[in-house]
Amino acid sequence: MKEQFRQTGNSDFALQAQKLHRNMTKPYRVLARVSGETWEYTLSPLIRIDDIEKLVALLNDCPTVEDAHALVGQFRNGEYLK
């Protein structure tokens, strides 16, 4: 859209590009429900979406809150899931 703005000068393209950029750089908000409690984790927007999806799938299987915290801690330390 930035290129379309450059080519046409139409400010609608610039606004669309800004909105897209703003949405793409929002951090991920991952919710985990464990033992009747809900926890929210904030993760970098630079992480690939398929890695986030793997994390969410593993969080769904966590039996305890401590396990969920440990899993997210490992993930944040760069130990991405295989």
C-alpha atoms as a PDB file:
ATOM      1  CA  MET A   1       0.000   0.000   0.000  1.00  0.00           C
ATOM      2  CA  LYS A   2       2.928   2.308   0.571  1.00  0.00           C
ATOM      3  CA  GLU A   3       3.937   1.730  -3.029  1.00  0.00           C
ATOM      4  CA  GLN A   4       0.381   2.427  -4.200  1.00  0.00           C
ATOM      5  CA  PHE A   5       0.479   5.697  -2.254  1.00  0.00           C
ATOM      6  CA  ARG A   6       3.782   6.623  -3.881  1.00  0.00           C
ATOM      7  CA  GLN A   7       2.395   5.873  -7.319  1.00  0.00           C
ATOM      8  CA  THR A   8      -0.975   7.565  -6.941  1.00  0.00           C
ATOM      9  CA  GLY A   9      -0.584  10.091  -4.125  1.00  0.00           C
ATOM     10  CA  ASN A  10      -3.935   8.852  -2.763  1.00  0.00           C
ATOM     11  CA  SER A  11      -3.812   9.378   1.015  1.00  0.00           C
ATOM     12  CA  ASP A  12      -6.267   6.498   1.580  1.00  0.00           C
ATOM     13  CA  PHE A  13      -3.454   4.095   0.700  1.00  0.00           C
ATOM     14  CA  ALA A  14      -1.152   5.758   3.237  1.00  0.00           C
ATOM     15  CA  LEU A  15      -3.786   5.472   5.958  1.00  0.00           C
ATOM     16  CA  GLN A  16      -4.371   1.804   5.124  1.00  0.00           C
ATOM     17  CA  ALA A  17      -0.623   1.143   5.278  1.00  0.00           C
ATOM     18  CA  GLN A  18      -0.380   2.846   8.680  1.00  0.00           C
ATOM     19  CA  LYS A  19      -3.296   0.816  10.041  1.00  0.00           C
ATOM     20  CA  LEU A  20      -1.811  -2.422   8.709  1.00  0.00           C
ATOM     21  CA  HIS A  21       1.589  -1.617  10.225  1.00  0.00           C
ATOM     22  CA  ARG A  22       0.026  -0.761  13.582  1.00  0.00           C
ATOM     23  CA  ASN A  23      -1.895  -4.059  13.657  1.00  0.00           C
ATOM     24  CA  MET A  24       1.084  -6.141  12.544  1.00  0.00           C
ATOM     25  CA  THR A  25       3.304  -4.777  15.303  1.00  0.00           C
ATOM     26  CA  LYS A  26       0.916  -5.359  18.188  1.00  0.00           C
ATOM     27  CA  PRO A  27       2.185  -7.922  20.677  1.00  0.00           C
ATOM     28  CA  TYR A  28       0.434 -11.278  20.810  1.00  0.00           C
ATOM     29  CA  ARG A  29      -1.929 -11.775  23.730  1.00  0.00           C
ATOM     30  CA  VAL A  30      -2.119 -15.466  24.618  1.00  0.00           C
ATOM     31  CA  LEU A  31      -4.704 -16.654  27.127  1.00  0.00           C
ATOM     32  CA  ALA A  32      -4.228 -19.892  29.036  1.00  0.00           C
ATOM     33  CA  ARG A  33      -6.934 -21.495  31.147  1.00  0.00           C
ATOM     34  CA  VAL A  34      -5.452 -23.883  33.679  1.00  0.00           C
ATOM     35  CA  SER A  35      -7.115 -25.341  36.756  1.00  0.00           C
ATOM     36  CA  GLY A  36     -10.022 -22.919  36.510  1.00  0.00           C
ATOM     37  CA  GLU A  37      -7.749 -19.874  36.306  1.00  0.00           C
ATOM     38  CA  THR A  38      -7.077 -17.693  33.274  1.00  0.00           C
ATOM     39  CA  TRP A  39      -3.637 -16.271  32.641  1.00  0.00           C
ATOM     40  CA  GLU A  40      -2.664 -13.796  29.950  1.00  0.00           C
ATOM     41  CA  TYR A  41       0.798 -13.727  28.433  1.00  0.00           C
ATOM     42  CA  THR A  42       2.121 -10.998  26.144  1.00  0.00           C
ATOM     43  CA  LEU A  43       4.589 -12.080  23.476  1.00  0.00           C
ATOM     44  CA  SER A  44       6.613 -10.283  20.826  1.00  0.00           C
ATOM     45  CA  PRO A  45       4.925  -9.555  17.492  1.00  0.00           C
ATOM     46  CA  LEU A  46       8.129 -10.693  15.791  1.00  0.00           C
ATOM     47  CA  ILE A  47       7.478 -14.346  16.661  1.00  0.00           C
ATOM     48  CA  ARG A  48       6.149 -16.443  13.798  1.00  0.00           C
ATOM     49  CA  ILE A  49       2.431 -17.206  14.073  1.00  0.00           C
ATOM     50  CA  ASP A  50       2.956 -20.963  13.721  1.00  0.00           C
ATOM     51  CA  ASP A  51       5.241 -20.878  16.791  1.00  0.00           C
ATOM     52  CA  ILE A  52       2.508 -19.039  18.719  1.00  0.00           C
ATOM     53  CA  GLU A  53      -0.029 -21.655  17.617  1.00  0.00           C
ATOM     54  CA  LYS A  54       2.246 -24.475  18.830  1.00  0.00           C
ATOM     55  CA  LEU A  55       2.624 -22.728  22.183  1.00  0.00           C
ATOM     56  CA  VAL A  56      -1.139 -22.339  22.532  1.00  0.00           C
ATOM     57  CA  ALA A  57      -1.660 -26.044  21.760  1.00  0.00           C
ATOM     58  CA  LEU A  58       0.870 -27.013  24.435  1.00  0.00           C
ATOM     59  CA  LEU A  59      -0.660 -24.590  26.937  1.00  0.00           C
ATOM     60  CA  ASN A  60      -4.009 -26.306  26.434  1.00  0.00           C
ATOM     61  CA  ASP A  61      -2.435 -29.527  27.718  1.00  0.00           C
ATOM     62  CA  CYS A  62      -0.717 -28.012  30.780  1.00  0.00           C
ATOM     63  CA  PRO A  63      -1.966 -29.690  33.959  1.00  0.00           C
ATOM     64  CA  THR A  64      -0.823 -26.940  36.353  1.00  0.00           C
ATOM     65  CA  VAL A  65      -0.331 -23.189  36.360  1.00  0.00           C
ATOM     66  CA  GLU A  66       3.342 -23.704  37.198  1.00  0.00           C
ATOM     67  CA  ASP A  67       3.766 -25.844  34.082  1.00  0.00           C
ATOM     68  CA  ALA A  68       2.144 -23.128  31.965  1.00  0.00           C
ATOM     69  CA  HIS A  69       4.408 -20.429  33.433  1.00  0.00           C
ATOM     70  CA  ALA A  70       7.471 -22.600  32.850  1.00  0.00           C
ATOM     71  CA  LEU A  71       6.474 -23.317  29.256  1.00  0.00           C
ATOM     72  CA  VAL A  72       5.952 -19.635  28.470  1.00  0.00           C
ATOM     73  CA  GLY A  73       9.231 -18.799  30.222  1.00  0.00           C
ATOM     74  CA  GLN A  74      11.107 -21.263  28.023  1.00  0.00           C
ATOM     75  CA  PHE A  75       9.370 -19.868  24.964  1.00  0.00           C
ATOM     76  CA  ARG A  76      10.294 -16.297  25.880  1.00  0.00           C
ATOM     77  CA  ASN A  77      13.918 -17.383  26.345  1.00  0.00           C
ATOM     78  CA  GLY A  78      14.033 -18.389  22.720  1.00  0.00           C
ATOM     79  CA  GLU A  79      13.459 -22.088  23.228  1.00  0.00           C
ATOM     80  CA  TYR A  80      10.906 -22.212  20.439  1.00  0.00           C
ATOM     81  CA  LEU A  81       8.902 -25.349  20.070  1.00  0.00           C
ATOM     82  CA  LYS A  82       9.771 -28.048  17.593  1.00  0.00           C
END
